[in-house]
Protein backbone atom coordinates (compact mmCIF):
# COMPACT_ATOMS: atom_id res chain seq x y z
CA MET A 1 -18.75 9.96 -14.82
CA SER A 2 -16.47 12.09 -16.72
CA ASP A 3 -12.67 11.12 -17.50
CA ARG A 4 -11.78 14.06 -15.23
CA THR A 5 -8.98 13.05 -12.94
CA TYR A 6 -8.16 13.98 -9.50
CA LYS A 7 -4.47 15.33 -7.97
CA ILE A 8 -3.89 12.35 -5.08
CA GLY A 9 -3.57 16.02 -2.99
CA ASP A 10 -6.86 17.16 -4.23
CA LEU A 11 -8.76 14.10 -3.93
CA ALA A 12 -7.19 13.91 -0.06
CA GLY A 13 -8.54 17.07 0.51
CA MET A 14 -11.87 16.87 -0.38
CA PHE A 15 -12.50 13.95 1.72
CA GLY A 16 -9.80 15.16 4.65
CA LEU A 17 -7.42 12.31 4.40
CA THR A 18 -4.34 12.18 4.16
CA VAL A 19 -1.76 11.82 0.85
CA ARG A 20 -0.41 8.74 3.20
CA THR A 21 -3.94 7.18 3.60
CA LEU A 22 -5.24 7.57 -0.24
CA ARG A 23 -1.98 5.86 -0.85
CA TYR A 24 -2.26 2.76 1.04
CA TYR A 25 -5.83 2.35 -0.16
CA GLU A 26 -4.18 2.48 -3.48
CA GLU A 27 -1.78 0.38 -2.24
CA LEU A 28 -4.34 -2.35 -1.06
CA GLY A 29 -6.01 -2.26 -4.62
CA LEU A 30 -8.95 -0.01 -3.28
CA LEU A 31 -8.25 3.39 -5.56
CA LYS A 32 -7.24 3.14 -8.77
CA ALA A 33 -4.36 5.35 -10.09
CA ALA A 34 -4.32 6.19 -14.20
CA ASP A 35 -1.32 6.41 -15.45
CA ARG A 36 1.22 9.38 -14.43
CA ALA A 37 0.51 11.36 -17.40
CA ASP A 38 2.99 14.19 -16.70
CA GLY A 39 5.14 11.52 -15.52
CA LEU A 40 5.28 12.73 -11.86
CA HIS A 41 1.76 12.60 -10.69
CA ARG A 42 -0.39 10.20 -10.32
CA HIS A 43 -4.12 10.97 -11.34
CA TYR A 44 -6.74 9.25 -10.23
CA PRO A 45 -9.87 8.94 -12.54
CA GLU A 46 -13.35 10.49 -10.68
CA ASN A 47 -15.05 7.13 -10.21
CA ASN A 48 -12.25 7.08 -7.23
CA ILE A 49 -14.46 9.57 -5.90
CA VAL A 50 -17.13 7.42 -5.36
CA TYR A 51 -14.72 4.72 -4.29
CA ILE A 52 -13.39 6.95 -0.91
CA LYS A 53 -16.81 7.32 -0.28
CA ARG A 54 -17.94 4.28 -0.02
CA ILE A 55 -14.55 3.27 1.79
CA GLU A 56 -15.63 5.68 4.55
CA GLN A 57 -18.97 4.64 4.68
CA LEU A 58 -17.98 1.18 5.25
CA LYS A 59 -15.65 2.20 8.08
CA SER A 60 -18.15 4.24 9.47
CA TYR A 61 -20.41 1.23 10.10
CA GLY A 62 -16.85 -0.34 11.69
CA LEU A 63 -15.39 -2.81 8.96
CA ASN A 64 -11.75 -2.78 9.16
CA LEU A 65 -10.32 -2.67 5.12
CA ALA A 66 -9.09 -6.38 4.73
CA GLU A 67 -13.07 -6.29 4.99
CA ILE A 68 -13.74 -3.78 2.82
CA LYS A 69 -11.17 -5.04 0.26
CA VAL A 70 -13.75 -8.60 0.21
CA PHE A 71 -16.37 -5.80 -0.93
CA PHE A 72 -14.42 -4.22 -3.77
CA SER A 73 -12.76 -7.38 -4.80
CA LEU A 74 -16.41 -8.85 -5.40
CA ALA A 75 -17.47 -5.92 -6.86
CA GLU A 76 -14.69 -6.43 -9.80
CA ALA A 77 -15.33 -9.37 -10.13
CA ASP A 78 -18.65 -9.53 -10.21
CA ARG A 79 -19.85 -6.47 -12.11
CA THR A 80 -23.62 -6.33 -11.51
CA GLY A 81 -22.59 -5.53 -8.34
CA GLU A 82 -25.37 -8.67 -7.33
CA SER A 83 -22.66 -10.96 -5.02
CA CYS A 84 -21.43 -7.28 -3.32
CA ARG A 85 -25.14 -6.82 -2.40
CA ARG A 86 -26.16 -9.93 -1.16
CA LYS A 87 -23.15 -9.89 0.93
CA LEU A 88 -23.79 -5.96 2.02
CA ILE A 89 -26.55 -7.36 3.18
CA HIS A 90 -25.82 -10.28 5.25
CA LYS A 91 -23.08 -8.15 6.80
CA TYR A 92 -25.41 -5.66 8.14
CA THR A 93 -27.72 -7.70 9.03
CA GLU A 94 -25.32 -9.48 10.97
CA MET A 95 -24.01 -5.58 12.24
CA LEU A 96 -27.75 -4.49 13.06
CA ALA A 97 -28.33 -7.80 15.44
CA GLU A 98 -24.82 -7.29 16.97
CA LEU A 99 -26.67 -3.55 17.36
CA GLU A 100 -29.87 -4.88 19.25
CA LEU A 101 -28.27 -7.26 21.57
CA GLU A 102 -26.27 -4.42 22.79
CA ARG A 103 -28.86 -2.21 23.25
CA SER A 104 -30.43 -4.85 25.45
CA ARG A 105 -27.79 -4.99 26.74
CA ILE A 106 -27.53 -1.27 27.33
CA GLY A 107 -31.40 -1.19 28.24
CA GLN A 108 -30.72 -3.69 31.32
CA ARG A 109 -27.63 -1.53 32.25
CA MET A 110 -29.59 1.53 32.63
CA GLU A 111 -32.46 -0.41 34.65
CA GLU A 112 -29.87 -1.23 36.85
CA LEU A 113 -28.47 1.88 37.27
CA THR A 114 -32.00 3.64 37.88
CA TRP A 115 -32.89 0.78 40.53
CA HIS A 116 -29.62 2.18 42.49
CA ILE A 117 -29.83 5.57 41.91
CA GLU A 118 -33.41 5.02 43.77
CA GLN A 119 -31.65 4.00 46.33
CA LEU A 120 -29.01 6.35 47.19
CA VAL A 121 -32.34 9.12 46.76
CA SER A 122 -34.37 6.95 49.21
CA GLY A 123 -31.18 8.51 51.29
CA GLY A 124 -30.23 4.53 52.44
CA ASN A 125 -27.24 3.30 53.28
CA PHE A 126 -25.44 2.49 50.17
CA PHE A 127 -23.59 -0.12 53.02
CA GLU A 128 -27.00 -1.93 53.89
CA CYS A 129 -29.82 -4.19 52.05
CA PRO A 130 -32.80 -2.09 51.47
CA GLY A 131 -34.58 -5.07 53.50
CA SER A 132 -38.10 -3.50 54.19
CA GLN A 133 -39.16 -2.78 50.36
CA CYS A 134 -38.26 -5.79 48.82
CA PRO A 135 -41.64 -7.48 48.77
CA HIS A 136 -42.63 -4.02 46.85
CA CYS A 137 -39.60 -3.17 44.59
CA PRO A 138 -39.73 -3.25 40.90
CA TYR A 139 -36.25 -4.42 41.01
CA ALA A 140 -36.82 -7.44 43.63
CA GLY A 141 -35.95 -10.00 40.49
CA THR A 142 -32.65 -8.22 39.67
CA CYS A 143 -31.32 -7.30 42.79
CA GLU A 144 -27.84 -8.86 43.84
CA LEU A 145 -28.72 -8.53 47.86
CA ARG A 146 -31.95 -10.31 47.61
CA GLY A 147 -32.18 -13.21 49.84
CA LEU A 148 -28.40 -12.92 51.42
CA GLY A 149 -27.65 -13.51 54.46
CA GLN A 150 -31.12 -16.02 54.87
CA SER A 151 -30.36 -19.21 55.95
CA VAL A 152 -30.97 -22.37 52.78
């Protein structure tokens, strides 16, 4: 990276963020301004471009700013990046597991909706059990109506 610096408004415009957002990131310690060379405006070193990209990336993955701050603090404490890398791998693995579970739930819900659509398309009355179709129904195991009304 070069020694180039950017005014806060320029950085905000580059990323479609507000100046207030960047100031907040600075308050949290996520961005670091250089000295105010002209005495009036903050100037930000070029490495802040990478920091903003990382903040936005991590936010897009669902991390909040407190979680992001942990990664930035790790990176500052361990300049090799190893501890941050390991923690990110762990966090991403957790997030992936959560998404896999969500995908499974979505798949089950899609199967249920498919079954309901098939029942409605077949012309059956929504308020009656399909009854005679149950023995051959591919959704018999998940039907909430199956077995209702039968004596125990």
